[in-house]
Amino acid sequence: MTDVPSKPPSRKGLYAPFIVLLVALAAWTGWWFYLTRQIDAGLEAQAANLRQQGWDIRYADKTIVGWPFRANVKLTHVTLAAPSGHALSAPELNAEANAYQPTKWVVVAPKGLILTRAGKGKVAVNGDAIRMSASGIDQRWPNLALELVNPIFTVHPGGEPFPIARAARIEFYSRPHLEGSEAPTDDIDVMFRLVDGQGRRDGPVEGFAQDGQLTTQLEATIGRAGLLKLGDAAGVFSQWTKGGGTFRNIRGDLQAGDSRATLSSDILRADADGRLTGQVALQSQKPLPALSGLLQSRQGPANQIGAVGVAAAAGAAEAATREEVALTLNFRDGRTWLGPFSLAPAPKLF
């Protein structure tokens, strides 16, 4: 009896996984191109909107790469100039997000930045790393983080001095402020950190730090943050100030040489000229050297008697020998006061 040859087994099962993979890859590639087109259109729309508000937005070239899992936007010779006269420029900016999480971005300036201060000239900012991250960009207030590692600040010829010459780290964080119900408000929480900052020669930071290094951390809630207007020709804080914006729940720590202090304030505002008004309470350790250095940098040589007089005005007549002293700084009339003594101009917001 003749054997009937058996039918060879089907190979369709071997090809099925590859077919599924190719279909998935094609679908993902289509999503990636769709996403990058949306990103490109969004950037151009935002740039056009800012130009209508008086901004100067320029870049020499733009490319979007990163297939398959990332969207990497590369811009060269970028300039972002606000109507207020403040501007930021960079030889190169790289912005990157995961294709599967396009609401979180990281922006890097690998070749440094140029900061233009309205009426004060330009400052070059370079360092080991200059980067910013933004998450939840589809929300009213996204989470922001700015980090500068070993930054160096160099003033261009003709520019006014910059208070900081260099630092180990500078960090800034911002997030939506939540009430007890965890519902977001029109306020934002911010935090600023300066680690081992070195002031410019003969400047107030150098004097305050006694030729050493200044480390500080400040936290606050910015009330009515919706009034902050980046495109305002008068400055970011101008309309915010006129609309009743405030800094609330300010807390901080400072260390300058042998002097240390913790600070707190329930509320601070800005006056019509953009300078802070209000009171800040400080619990200080060995404040006299820092105060003496600040006076010397702002008002010429300060002797020991004058510095002790400043401390005495705040109710600390024996500050030269005491380890801890309670002080109160008053920001008023555009100046920073300790008792009847004017130490320096009040911080200016705009």
C-alpha atoms as a PDB file:
ATOM      1  CA  MET A   1       0.000   0.000   0.000  1.00  0.00           C
ATOM      2  CA  THR A   2       1.435   3.371  -1.045  1.00  0.00           C
ATOM      3  CA  ASP A   3       1.857   5.975   1.727  1.00  0.00           C
ATOM      4  CA  VAL A   4       0.231   9.326   1.005  1.00  0.00           C
ATOM      5  CA  PRO A   5       2.736  12.132   1.725  1.00  0.00           C
ATOM      6  CA  SER A   6       1.635  14.276   4.680  1.00  0.00           C
ATOM      7  CA  LYS A   7       0.905  17.974   4.181  1.00  0.00           C
ATOM      8  CA  PRO A   8       3.803  20.165   5.330  1.00  0.00           C
ATOM      9  CA  PRO A   9       3.033  22.210   8.485  1.00  0.00           C
ATOM     10  CA  SER A  10       1.927  25.806   7.985  1.00  0.00           C
ATOM     11  CA  ARG A  11       4.515  28.501   8.597  1.00  0.00           C
ATOM     12  CA  LYS A  12       1.955  31.253   9.114  1.00  0.00           C
ATOM     13  CA  GLY A  13       2.398  31.071  12.854  1.00  0.00           C
ATOM     14  CA  LEU A  14       6.091  31.928  12.499  1.00  0.00           C
ATOM     15  CA  TYR A  15       5.341  35.118  10.596  1.00  0.00           C
ATOM     16  CA  ALA A  16       2.500  36.349  12.790  1.00  0.00           C
ATOM     17  CA  PRO A  17       4.675  37.988  15.517  1.00  0.00           C
ATOM     18  CA  PHE A  18       6.723  39.846  12.888  1.00  0.00           C
ATOM     19  CA  ILE A  19       3.566  41.051  11.180  1.00  0.00           C
ATOM     20  CA  VAL A  20       2.163  42.317  14.474  1.00  0.00           C
ATOM     21  CA  LEU A  21       5.483  44.034  15.232  1.00  0.00           C
ATOM     22  CA  LEU A  22       5.556  45.733  11.822  1.00  0.00           C
ATOM     23  CA  VAL A  23       1.976  46.923  12.233  1.00  0.00           C
ATOM     24  CA  ALA A  24       2.742  48.294  15.705  1.00  0.00           C
ATOM     25  CA  LEU A  25       5.915  49.982  14.458  1.00  0.00           C
ATOM     26  CA  ALA A  26       4.024  51.560  11.566  1.00  0.00           C
ATOM     27  CA  ALA A  27       1.318  52.806  13.929  1.00  0.00           C
ATOM     28  CA  TRP A  28       3.893  54.195  16.384  1.00  0.00           C
ATOM     29  CA  THR A  29       5.800  55.885  13.553  1.00  0.00           C
ATOM     30  CA  GLY A  30       2.583  57.503  12.402  1.00  0.00           C
ATOM     31  CA  TRP A  31       1.950  58.724  15.958  1.00  0.00           C
ATOM     32  CA  TRP A  32       5.497  60.102  16.213  1.00  0.00           C
ATOM     33  CA  PHE A  33       5.173  62.098  12.991  1.00  0.00           C
ATOM     34  CA  TYR A  34       1.739  63.350  14.042  1.00  0.00           C
ATOM     35  CA  LEU A  35       3.095  64.369  17.460  1.00  0.00           C
ATOM     36  CA  THR A  36       6.095  66.198  16.041  1.00  0.00           C
ATOM     37  CA  ARG A  37       3.902  68.060  13.563  1.00  0.00           C
ATOM     38  CA  GLN A  38       1.669  69.114  16.453  1.00  0.00           C
ATOM     39  CA  ILE A  39       4.710  70.264  18.433  1.00  0.00           C
ATOM     40  CA  ASP A  40       6.033  72.229  15.458  1.00  0.00           C
ATOM     41  CA  ALA A  41       2.650  73.880  14.855  1.00  0.00           C
ATOM     42  CA  GLY A  42       2.294  74.682  18.558  1.00  0.00           C
ATOM     43  CA  LEU A  43       5.723  76.335  18.694  1.00  0.00           C
ATOM     44  CA  GLU A  44       4.997  78.461  15.657  1.00  0.00           C
ATOM     45  CA  ALA A  45       1.565  79.461  16.986  1.00  0.00           C
ATOM     46  CA  GLN A  46       3.032  80.432  20.370  1.00  0.00           C
ATOM     47  CA  ALA A  47       5.820  82.431  18.705  1.00  0.00           C
ATOM     48  CA  ALA A  48       3.282  84.257  16.525  1.00  0.00           C
ATOM     49  CA  ASN A  49       1.122  85.026  19.560  1.00  0.00           C
ATOM     50  CA  LEU A  50       4.085  86.471  21.468  1.00  0.00           C
ATOM     51  CA  ARG A  51       5.143  88.559  18.474  1.00  0.00           C
ATOM     52  CA  GLN A  52       1.662  90.083  18.411  1.00  0.00           C
ATOM     53  CA  GLN A  53       2.194  91.066  22.055  1.00  0.00           C
ATOM     54  CA  GLY A  54       5.401  92.883  21.182  1.00  0.00           C
ATOM     55  CA  TRP A  55       7.966  90.135  21.748  1.00  0.00           C
ATOM     56  CA  ASP A  56      10.943  89.589  19.470  1.00  0.00           C
ATOM     57  CA  ILE A  57      11.161  85.828  18.825  1.00  0.00           C
ATOM     58  CA  ARG A  58      13.918  84.654  16.488  1.00  0.00           C
ATOM     59  CA  TYR A  59      15.910  81.528  15.709  1.00  0.00           C
ATOM     60  CA  ALA A  60      18.147  80.585  12.790  1.00  0.00           C
ATOM     61  CA  ASP A  61      17.220  76.935  12.404  1.00  0.00           C
ATOM     62  CA  LYS A  62      14.812  74.388  13.868  1.00  0.00           C
ATOM     63  CA  THR A  63      14.900  70.600  13.616  1.00  0.00           C
ATOM     64  CA  ILE A  64      12.841  67.902  15.343  1.00  0.00           C
ATOM     65  CA  VAL A  65      14.458  64.483  15.734  1.00  0.00           C
ATOM     66  CA  GLY A  66      14.370  61.612  18.225  1.00  0.00           C
ATOM     67  CA  TRP A  67      12.341  58.864  16.500  1.00  0.00           C
ATOM     68  CA  PRO A  68      11.066  56.493  17.762  1.00  0.00           C
ATOM     69  CA  PHE A  69      10.720  57.243  21.485  1.00  0.00           C
ATOM     70  CA  ARG A  70      11.614  60.909  21.879  1.00  0.00           C
ATOM     71  CA  ALA A  71      10.756  64.291  20.452  1.00  0.00           C
ATOM     72  CA  ASN A  72      13.863  66.468  20.460  1.00  0.00           C
ATOM     73  CA  VAL A  73      13.480  70.059  19.264  1.00  0.00           C
ATOM     74  CA  LYS A  74      16.791  71.721  18.381  1.00  0.00           C
ATOM     75  CA  LEU A  75      16.943  75.500  17.911  1.00  0.00           C
ATOM     76  CA  THR A  76      20.041  77.520  17.013  1.00  0.00           C
ATOM     77  CA  HIS A  77      20.829  81.207  17.593  1.00  0.00           C
ATOM     78  CA  VAL A  78      17.701  81.778  19.645  1.00  0.00           C
ATOM     79  CA  THR A  79      16.510  85.191  20.890  1.00  0.00           C
ATOM     80  CA  LEU A  80      13.541  85.752  23.209  1.00  0.00           C
ATOM     81  CA  ALA A  81      13.106  89.480  23.919  1.00  0.00           C
ATOM     82  CA  ALA A  82      10.194  90.855  25.964  1.00  0.00           C
ATOM     83  CA  PRO A  83       8.678  94.317  25.475  1.00  0.00           C
ATOM     84  CA  SER A  84      10.148  95.277  28.871  1.00  0.00           C
ATOM     85  CA  GLY A  85      13.644  95.151  27.350  1.00  0.00           C
ATOM     86  CA  HIS A  86      14.651  91.964  29.141  1.00  0.00           C
ATOM     87  CA  ALA A  87      15.875  89.256  26.796  1.00  0.00           C
ATOM     88  CA  LEU A  88      17.408  85.816  26.693  1.00  0.00           C
ATOM     89  CA  SER A  89      19.521  84.455  23.863  1.00  0.00           C
ATOM     90  CA  ALA A  90      21.451  81.252  23.316  1.00  0.00           C
ATOM     91  CA  PRO A  91      23.627  79.749  20.564  1.00  0.00           C
ATOM     92  CA  GLU A  92      21.664  76.525  20.978  1.00  0.00           C
ATOM     93  CA  LEU A  93      18.602  75.257  22.835  1.00  0.00           C
ATOM     94  CA  ASN A  94      17.517  71.618  23.008  1.00  0.00           C
ATOM     95  CA  ALA A  95      14.057  70.672  24.260  1.00  0.00           C
ATOM     96  CA  GLU A  96      13.218  66.995  24.710  1.00  0.00           C
ATOM     97  CA  ALA A  97      10.181  64.955  25.750  1.00  0.00           C
ATOM     98  CA  ASN A  98       9.233  61.298  25.674  1.00  0.00           C
ATOM     99  CA  ALA A  99       6.896  60.570  22.782  1.00  0.00           C
ATOM    100  CA  TYR A 100       4.651  58.666  25.188  1.00  0.00           C
ATOM    101  CA  GLN A 101       4.619  61.574  27.720  1.00  0.00           C
ATOM    102  CA  PRO A 102       4.604  64.839  25.746  1.00  0.00           C
ATOM    103  CA  THR A 103       3.444  66.929  28.722  1.00  0.00           C
ATOM    104  CA  LYS A 104       6.881  66.756  30.400  1.00  0.00           C
ATOM    105  CA  TRP A 105       9.826  68.564  28.803  1.00  0.00           C
ATOM    106  CA  VAL A 106      13.479  69.176  29.590  1.00  0.00           C
ATOM    107  CA  VAL A 107      15.211  72.199  28.034  1.00  0.00           C
ATOM    108  CA  VAL A 108      19.026  72.425  27.943  1.00  0.00           C
ATOM    109  CA  ALA A 109      21.331  75.271  26.916  1.00  0.00           C
ATOM    110  CA  PRO A 110      24.561  73.354  26.193  1.00  0.00           C
ATOM    111  CA  LYS A 111      26.534  76.436  25.125  1.00  0.00           C
ATOM    112  CA  GLY A 112      25.343  78.882  27.759  1.00  0.00           C
ATOM    113  CA  LEU A 113      23.017  81.878  27.728  1.00  0.00           C
ATOM    114  CA  ILE A 114      23.133  85.642  27.320  1.00  0.00           C
ATOM    115  CA  LEU A 115      20.867  87.526  29.715  1.00  0.00           C
ATOM    116  CA  THR A 116      19.949  91.082  28.714  1.00  0.00           C
ATOM    117  CA  ARG A 117      18.777  93.300  31.577  1.00  0.00           C
ATOM    118  CA  ALA A 118      16.670  96.277  30.541  1.00  0.00           C
ATOM    119  CA  GLY A 119      18.849  99.356  30.794  1.00  0.00           C
ATOM    120  CA  LYS A 120      21.656  97.444  32.531  1.00  0.00           C
ATOM    121  CA  GLY A 121      23.398  95.572  29.736  1.00  0.00           C
ATOM    122  CA  LYS A 122      24.172  91.940  29.046  1.00  0.00           C
ATOM    123  CA  VAL A 123      25.466  89.106  31.220  1.00  0.00           C
ATOM    124  CA  ALA A 124      26.912  85.862  29.867  1.00  0.00           C
ATOM    125  CA  VAL A 125      25.857  82.786  31.845  1.00  0.00           C
ATOM    126  CA  ASN A 126      27.967  79.646  31.456  1.00  0.00           C
ATOM    127  CA  GLY A 127      28.428  76.534  33.558  1.00  0.00           C
ATOM    128  CA  ASP A 128      28.569  72.759  33.699  1.00  0.00           C
ATOM    129  CA  ALA A 129      24.811  72.531  33.121  1.00  0.00           C
ATOM    130  CA  ILE A 130      21.942  74.917  32.431  1.00  0.00           C
ATOM    131  CA  ARG A 131      18.625  73.107  32.243  1.00  0.00           C
ATOM    132  CA  MET A 132      14.939  73.546  32.943  1.00  0.00           C
ATOM    133  CA  SER A 133      12.176  70.977  33.241  1.00  0.00           C
ATOM    134  CA  ALA A 134       8.427  71.517  32.933  1.00  0.00           C
ATOM    135  CA  SER A 135       5.788  68.906  33.692  1.00  0.00           C
ATOM    136  CA  GLY A 136       2.030  69.160  33.435  1.00  0.00           C
ATOM    137  CA  ILE A 137       2.252  71.802  30.711  1.00  0.00           C
ATOM    138  CA  ASP A 138      -1.394  71.143  29.871  1.00  0.00           C
ATOM    139  CA  GLN A 139      -2.364  72.532  33.300  1.00  0.00           C
ATOM    140  CA  ARG A 140      -2.871  76.191  34.260  1.00  0.00           C
ATOM    141  CA  TRP A 141       0.260  76.150  36.407  1.00  0.00           C
ATOM    142  CA  PRO A 142       2.819  73.516  35.411  1.00  0.00           C
ATOM    143  CA  ASN A 143       5.597  72.315  37.683  1.00  0.00           C
ATOM    144  CA  LEU A 144       8.825  74.108  36.773  1.00  0.00           C
ATOM    145  CA  ALA A 145      12.409  73.473  37.812  1.00  0.00           C
ATOM    146  CA  LEU A 146      15.458  75.507  36.762  1.00  0.00           C
ATOM    147  CA  GLU A 147      18.968  74.320  37.604  1.00  0.00           C
ATOM    148  CA  LEU A 148      22.364  75.915  36.995  1.00  0.00           C
ATOM    149  CA  VAL A 149      25.413  73.842  37.965  1.00  0.00           C
ATOM    150  CA  ASN A 150      28.626  75.787  38.626  1.00  0.00           C
ATOM    151  CA  PRO A 151      27.344  78.901  36.819  1.00  0.00           C
ATOM    152  CA  ILE A 152      29.686  81.790  36.027  1.00  0.00           C
ATOM    153  CA  PHE A 153      28.289  85.277  35.334  1.00  0.00           C
ATOM    154  CA  THR A 154      30.330  87.605  33.122  1.00  0.00           C
ATOM    155  CA  VAL A 155      29.124  91.147  32.467  1.00  0.00           C
ATOM    156  CA  HIS A 156      29.590  92.378  28.903  1.00  0.00           C
ATOM    157  CA  PRO A 157      31.492  95.655  28.389  1.00  0.00           C
ATOM    158  CA  GLY A 158      29.328  98.638  29.238  1.00  0.00           C
ATOM    159  CA  GLY A 159      26.933  96.646  31.417  1.00  0.00           C
ATOM    160  CA  GLU A 160      26.151  97.353  35.045  1.00  0.00           C
ATOM    161  CA  PRO A 161      27.688  95.004  37.637  1.00  0.00           C
ATOM    162  CA  PHE A 162      25.891  91.743  38.388  1.00  0.00           C
ATOM    163  CA  PRO A 163      25.601  90.865  42.110  1.00  0.00           C
ATOM    164  CA  ILE A 164      26.799  87.259  41.723  1.00  0.00           C
ATOM    165  CA  ALA A 165      30.072  86.266  40.064  1.00  0.00           C
ATOM    166  CA  ARG A 166      29.693  82.499  40.352  1.00  0.00           C
ATOM    167  CA  ALA A 167      28.066  79.759  42.443  1.00  0.00           C
ATOM    168  CA  ALA A 168      28.107  76.022  42.983  1.00  0.00           C
ATOM    169  CA  ARG A 169      24.398  75.726  42.212  1.00  0.00           C
ATOM    170  CA  ILE A 170      21.405  77.941  41.573  1.00  0.00           C
ATOM    171  CA  GLU A 171      17.960  76.347  41.600  1.00  0.00           C
ATOM    172  CA  PHE A 172      14.413  77.618  41.206  1.00  0.00           C
ATOM    173  CA  TYR A 173      11.202  75.611  41.595  1.00  0.00           C
ATOM    174  CA  SER A 174       7.561  76.495  41.024  1.00  0.00           C
ATOM    175  CA  ARG A 175       4.368  74.491  41.470  1.00  0.00           C
ATOM    176  CA  PRO A 176       0.632  75.161  41.869  1.00  0.00           C
ATOM    177  CA  HIS A 177      -0.422  76.127  45.385  1.00  0.00           C
ATOM    178  CA  LEU A 178      -3.023  73.756  46.796  1.00  0.00           C
ATOM    179  CA  GLU A 179      -5.544  74.563  49.495  1.00  0.00           C
ATOM    180  CA  GLY A 180      -6.724  72.047  52.081  1.00  0.00           C
ATOM    181  CA  SER A 181      -9.098  70.484  49.551  1.00  0.00           C
ATOM    182  CA  GLU A 182      -6.130  69.820  47.229  1.00  0.00           C
ATOM    183  CA  ALA A 183      -7.840  72.056  44.682  1.00  0.00           C
ATOM    184  CA  PRO A 184      -5.464  74.329  42.725  1.00  0.00           C
ATOM    185  CA  THR A 185      -5.769  78.082  43.243  1.00  0.00           C
ATOM    186  CA  ASP A 186      -4.547  81.195  41.436  1.00  0.00           C
ATOM    187  CA  ASP A 187      -1.445  81.095  43.656  1.00  0.00           C
ATOM    188  CA  ILE A 188       1.868  79.325  43.127  1.00  0.00           C
ATOM    189  CA  ASP A 189       4.537  78.067  45.536  1.00  0.00           C
ATOM    190  CA  VAL A 190       8.131  78.946  44.689  1.00  0.00           C
ATOM    191  CA  MET A 191      11.534  78.070  46.100  1.00  0.00           C
ATOM    192  CA  PHE A 192      14.953  79.555  45.313  1.00  0.00           C
ATOM    193  CA  ARG A 193      18.309  78.068  46.314  1.00  0.00           C
ATOM    194  CA  LEU A 194      21.763  79.599  45.984  1.00  0.00           C
ATOM    195  CA  VAL A 195      24.635  77.349  47.061  1.00  0.00           C
ATOM    196  CA  ASP A 196      28.127  78.748  47.676  1.00  0.00           C
ATOM    197  CA  GLY A 197      27.503  81.969  45.796  1.00  0.00           C
ATOM    198  CA  GLN A 198      30.405  84.381  45.374  1.00  0.00           C
ATOM    199  CA  GLY A 199      29.625  88.058  44.988  1.00  0.00           C
ATOM    200  CA  ARG A 200      31.278  90.423  42.547  1.00  0.00           C
ATOM    201  CA  ARG A 201      34.297  92.367  43.796  1.00  0.00           C
ATOM    202  CA  ASP A 202      33.354  95.150  46.236  1.00  0.00           C
ATOM    203  CA  GLY A 203      29.665  94.317  45.818  1.00  0.00           C
ATOM    204  CA  PRO A 204      26.990  93.858  48.520  1.00  0.00           C
ATOM    205  CA  VAL A 205      26.996  90.056  48.322  1.00  0.00           C
ATOM    206  CA  GLU A 206      30.781  89.908  48.753  1.00  0.00           C
ATOM    207  CA  GLY A 207      30.559  92.311  51.683  1.00  0.00           C
ATOM    208  CA  PHE A 208      27.694  90.447  53.321  1.00  0.00           C
ATOM    209  CA  ALA A 209      29.509  87.120  52.892  1.00  0.00           C
ATOM    210  CA  GLN A 210      32.708  88.632  54.345  1.00  0.00           C
ATOM    211  CA  ASP A 211      34.701  87.673  51.246  1.00  0.00           C
ATOM    212  CA  GLY A 212      33.374  84.145  51.670  1.00  0.00           C
ATOM    213  CA  GLN A 213      30.410  82.335  50.134  1.00  0.00           C
ATOM    214  CA  LEU A 214      26.692  82.912  50.485  1.00  0.00           C
ATOM    215  CA  THR A 215      24.239  80.027  50.711  1.00  0.00           C
ATOM    216  CA  THR A 216      20.535  80.715  50.944  1.00  0.00           C
ATOM    217  CA  GLN A 217      17.166  79.033  50.472  1.00  0.00           C
ATOM    218  CA  LEU A 218      13.936  81.015  50.211  1.00  0.00           C
ATOM    219  CA  GLU A 219      10.363  79.737  49.956  1.00  0.00           C
ATOM    220  CA  ALA A 220       7.140  81.686  49.447  1.00  0.00           C
ATOM    221  CA  THR A 221       3.640  81.618  48.022  1.00  0.00           C
ATOM    222  CA  ILE A 222       2.947  84.134  45.257  1.00  0.00           C
ATOM    223  CA  GLY A 223      -0.633  85.314  45.576  1.00  0.00           C
ATOM    224  CA  ARG A 224      -2.686  86.221  42.481  1.00  0.00           C
ATOM    225  CA  ALA A 225      -0.047  84.758  40.206  1.00  0.00           C
ATOM    226  CA  GLY A 226      -2.434  85.005  37.277  1.00  0.00           C
ATOM    227  CA  LEU A 227      -1.607  88.721  37.134  1.00  0.00           C
ATOM    228  CA  LEU A 228       2.044  88.054  36.292  1.00  0.00           C
ATOM    229  CA  LYS A 229       2.525  89.188  32.706  1.00  0.00           C
ATOM    230  CA  LEU A 230       5.716  88.217  30.893  1.00  0.00           C
ATOM    231  CA  GLY A 231       4.883  90.519  27.999  1.00  0.00           C
ATOM    232  CA  ASP A 232       4.267  93.614  30.096  1.00  0.00           C
ATOM    233  CA  ALA A 233       6.560  96.446  29.020  1.00  0.00           C
ATOM    234  CA  ALA A 234       6.688  97.664  32.630  1.00  0.00           C
ATOM    235  CA  GLY A 235       7.981  94.324  33.905  1.00  0.00           C
ATOM    236  CA  VAL A 236       6.712  90.937  35.025  1.00  0.00           C
ATOM    237  CA  PHE A 237       5.550  92.182  38.442  1.00  0.00           C
ATOM    238  CA  SER A 238       4.031  95.536  37.409  1.00  0.00           C
ATOM    239  CA  GLN A 239       0.397  94.486  36.825  1.00  0.00           C
ATOM    240  CA  TRP A 240       0.718  91.950  39.629  1.00  0.00           C
ATOM    241  CA  THR A 241       1.630  94.734  42.060  1.00  0.00           C
ATOM    242  CA  LYS A 242      -1.176  97.016  40.880  1.00  0.00           C
ATOM    243  CA  GLY A 243      -3.650  94.141  41.231  1.00  0.00           C
ATOM    244  CA  GLY A 244      -2.746  93.459  44.858  1.00  0.00           C
ATOM    245  CA  GLY A 245      -0.271  90.599  44.394  1.00  0.00           C
ATOM    246  CA  THR A 246       1.674  89.539  47.478  1.00  0.00           C
ATOM    247  CA  PHE A 247       4.384  87.205  48.701  1.00  0.00           C
ATOM    248  CA  ARG A 248       3.016  85.146  51.616  1.00  0.00           C
ATOM    249  CA  ASN A 249       4.483  82.726  54.124  1.00  0.00           C
ATOM    250  CA  ILE A 250       8.078  83.626  53.333  1.00  0.00           C
ATOM    251  CA  ARG A 251      10.628  81.355  54.976  1.00  0.00           C
ATOM    252  CA  GLY A 252      14.353  81.125  54.433  1.00  0.00           C
ATOM    253  CA  ASP A 253      17.834  80.319  55.634  1.00  0.00           C
ATOM    254  CA  LEU A 254      21.041  82.240  54.988  1.00  0.00           C
ATOM    255  CA  GLN A 255      24.663  81.434  55.686  1.00  0.00           C
ATOM    256  CA  ALA A 256      27.437  83.939  54.965  1.00  0.00           C
ATOM    257  CA  GLY A 257      30.853  83.223  56.397  1.00  0.00           C
ATOM    258  CA  ASP A 258      30.426  82.780  60.147  1.00  0.00           C
ATOM    259  CA  SER A 259      27.030  84.490  60.113  1.00  0.00           C
ATOM    260  CA  ARG A 260      23.813  82.485  59.892  1.00  0.00           C
ATOM    261  CA  ALA A 261      20.161  83.446  59.980  1.00  0.00           C
ATOM    262  CA  THR A 262      16.670  82.076  59.526  1.00  0.00           C
ATOM    263  CA  LEU A 263      14.089  84.514  58.212  1.00  0.00           C
ATOM    264  CA  SER A 264      10.322  84.666  58.087  1.00  0.00           C
ATOM    265  CA  SER A 265       7.621  87.072  57.002  1.00  0.00           C
ATOM    266  CA  ASP A 266       3.873  86.684  56.792  1.00  0.00           C
ATOM    267  CA  ILE A 267       3.500  89.005  53.814  1.00  0.00           C
ATOM    268  CA  LEU A 268       5.547  91.263  51.533  1.00  0.00           C
ATOM    269  CA  ARG A 269       4.404  93.602  48.769  1.00  0.00           C
ATOM    270  CA  ALA A 270       5.971  95.896  46.204  1.00  0.00           C
ATOM    271  CA  ASP A 271       5.544  99.662  46.034  1.00  0.00           C
ATOM    272  CA  ALA A 272       4.796 101.733  42.936  1.00  0.00           C
ATOM    273  CA  ASP A 273       8.503 101.749  42.061  1.00  0.00           C
ATOM    274  CA  GLY A 274       8.726  97.962  42.247  1.00  0.00           C
ATOM    275  CA  ARG A 275      10.674  97.762  45.520  1.00  0.00           C
ATOM    276  CA  LEU A 276       9.679  95.454  48.376  1.00  0.00           C
ATOM    277  CA  THR A 277       7.737  96.757  51.364  1.00  0.00           C
ATOM    278  CA  GLY A 278       7.103  94.953  54.633  1.00  0.00           C
ATOM    279  CA  GLN A 279       8.981  93.353  57.501  1.00  0.00           C
ATOM    280  CA  VAL A 280      11.234  90.314  57.740  1.00  0.00           C
ATOM    281  CA  ALA A 281      12.129  88.760  61.097  1.00  0.00           C
ATOM    282  CA  LEU A 282      15.548  87.169  61.421  1.00  0.00           C
ATOM    283  CA  GLN A 283      16.983  84.895  64.079  1.00  0.00           C
ATOM    284  CA  SER A 284      20.697  85.416  63.584  1.00  0.00           C
ATOM    285  CA  GLN A 285      23.912  83.835  64.763  1.00  0.00           C
ATOM    286  CA  LYS A 286      26.945  86.148  64.757  1.00  0.00           C
ATOM    287  CA  PRO A 287      25.282  88.790  62.554  1.00  0.00           C
ATOM    288  CA  LEU A 288      27.786  91.573  63.212  1.00  0.00           C
ATOM    289  CA  PRO A 289      30.458  90.543  60.648  1.00  0.00           C
ATOM    290  CA  ALA A 290      27.878  90.255  57.863  1.00  0.00           C
ATOM    291  CA  LEU A 291      26.250  93.603  58.713  1.00  0.00           C
ATOM    292  CA  SER A 292      29.639  95.305  58.922  1.00  0.00           C
ATOM    293  CA  GLY A 293      30.652  93.878  55.540  1.00  0.00           C
ATOM    294  CA  LEU A 294      27.360  94.969  53.979  1.00  0.00           C
ATOM    295  CA  LEU A 295      27.743  98.500  55.313  1.00  0.00           C
ATOM    296  CA  GLN A 296      31.307  98.713  54.067  1.00  0.00           C
ATOM    297  CA  SER A 297      30.336  97.596  50.550  1.00  0.00           C
ATOM    298  CA  ARG A 298      27.395 100.015  50.357  1.00  0.00           C
ATOM    299  CA  GLN A 299      28.533 103.082  52.292  1.00  0.00           C
ATOM    300  CA  GLY A 300      32.324 103.029  52.424  1.00  0.00           C
ATOM    301  CA  PRO A 301      34.499 101.860  55.337  1.00  0.00           C
ATOM    302  CA  ALA A 302      32.415 101.003  58.398  1.00  0.00           C
ATOM    303  CA  ASN A 303      34.010 100.890  61.837  1.00  0.00           C
ATOM    304  CA  GLN A 304      33.164  98.534  64.652  1.00  0.00           C
ATOM    305  CA  ILE A 305      31.265 101.197  66.595  1.00  0.00           C
ATOM    306  CA  GLY A 306      28.971 101.896  63.662  1.00  0.00           C
ATOM    307  CA  ALA A 307      28.233  98.216  63.162  1.00  0.00           C
ATOM    308  CA  VAL A 308      27.464  97.744  66.868  1.00  0.00           C
ATOM    309  CA  GLY A 309      25.173 100.771  66.614  1.00  0.00           C
ATOM    310  CA  VAL A 310      23.197  99.047  63.856  1.00  0.00           C
ATOM    311  CA  ALA A 311      22.723  95.973  66.014  1.00  0.00           C
ATOM    312  CA  ALA A 312      21.820  98.108  69.036  1.00  0.00           C
ATOM    313  CA  ALA A 313      19.101  99.851  67.040  1.00  0.00           C
ATOM    314  CA  ALA A 314      17.416  96.484  66.689  1.00  0.00           C
ATOM    315  CA  GLY A 315      17.533  95.830  70.423  1.00  0.00           C
ATOM    316  CA  ALA A 316      20.827  93.910  70.406  1.00  0.00           C
ATOM    317  CA  ALA A 317      23.339  96.245  72.018  1.00  0.00           C
ATOM    318  CA  GLU A 318      25.588  93.359  72.916  1.00  0.00           C
ATOM    319  CA  ALA A 319      25.444  91.785  69.450  1.00  0.00           C
ATOM    320  CA  ALA A 320      29.213  91.783  69.152  1.00  0.00           C
ATOM    321  CA  THR A 321      29.506  89.157  71.876  1.00  0.00           C
ATOM    322  CA  ARG A 322      26.179  87.321  71.715  1.00  0.00           C
ATOM    323  CA  GLU A 323      25.845  84.170  69.624  1.00  0.00           C
ATOM    324  CA  GLU A 324      22.155  84.618  68.730  1.00  0.00           C
ATOM    325  CA  VAL A 325      20.352  87.863  67.987  1.00  0.00           C
ATOM    326  CA  ALA A 326      16.760  88.577  66.933  1.00  0.00           C
ATOM    327  CA  LEU A 327      16.630  91.269  64.245  1.00  0.00           C
ATOM    328  CA  THR A 328      13.880  92.841  62.150  1.00  0.00           C
ATOM    329  CA  LEU A 329      14.480  94.207  58.663  1.00  0.00           C
ATOM    330  CA  ASN A 330      12.069  96.801  57.345  1.00  0.00           C
ATOM    331  CA  PHE A 331      11.615  97.456  53.642  1.00  0.00           C
ATOM    332  CA  ARG A 332      10.188 100.950  53.217  1.00  0.00           C
ATOM    333  CA  ASP A 333      10.762 104.101  51.216  1.00  0.00           C
ATOM    334  CA  GLY A 334      12.831 102.094  48.723  1.00  0.00           C
ATOM    335  CA  ARG A 335      15.435 101.152  51.350  1.00  0.00           C
ATOM    336  CA  THR A 336      16.285  98.266  53.662  1.00  0.00           C
ATOM    337  CA  TRP A 337      16.276  99.454  57.279  1.00  0.00           C
ATOM    338  CA  LEU A 338      17.531  97.953  60.541  1.00  0.00           C
ATOM    339  CA  GLY A 339      16.071 100.263  63.159  1.00  0.00           C
ATOM    340  CA  PRO A 340      16.977 103.830  62.085  1.00  0.00           C
ATOM    341  CA  PHE A 341      19.912 102.620  59.974  1.00  0.00           C
ATOM    342  CA  SER A 342      19.616 102.298  56.199  1.00  0.00           C
ATOM    343  CA  LEU A 343      21.604  99.268  55.020  1.00  0.00           C
ATOM    344  CA  ALA A 344      20.961  99.108  51.261  1.00  0.00           C
ATOM    345  CA  PRO A 345      18.276  99.690  48.605  1.00  0.00           C
ATOM    346  CA  ALA A 346      15.229  97.488  49.047  1.00  0.00           C
ATOM    347  CA  PRO A 347      15.099  94.552  46.576  1.00  0.00           C
ATOM    348  CA  LYS A 348      13.580  95.701  43.288  1.00  0.00           C
ATOM    349  CA  LEU A 349      11.080  93.530  41.425  1.00  0.00           C
ATOM    350  CA  PHE A 350      10.630  95.696  38.311  1.00  0.00           C
END
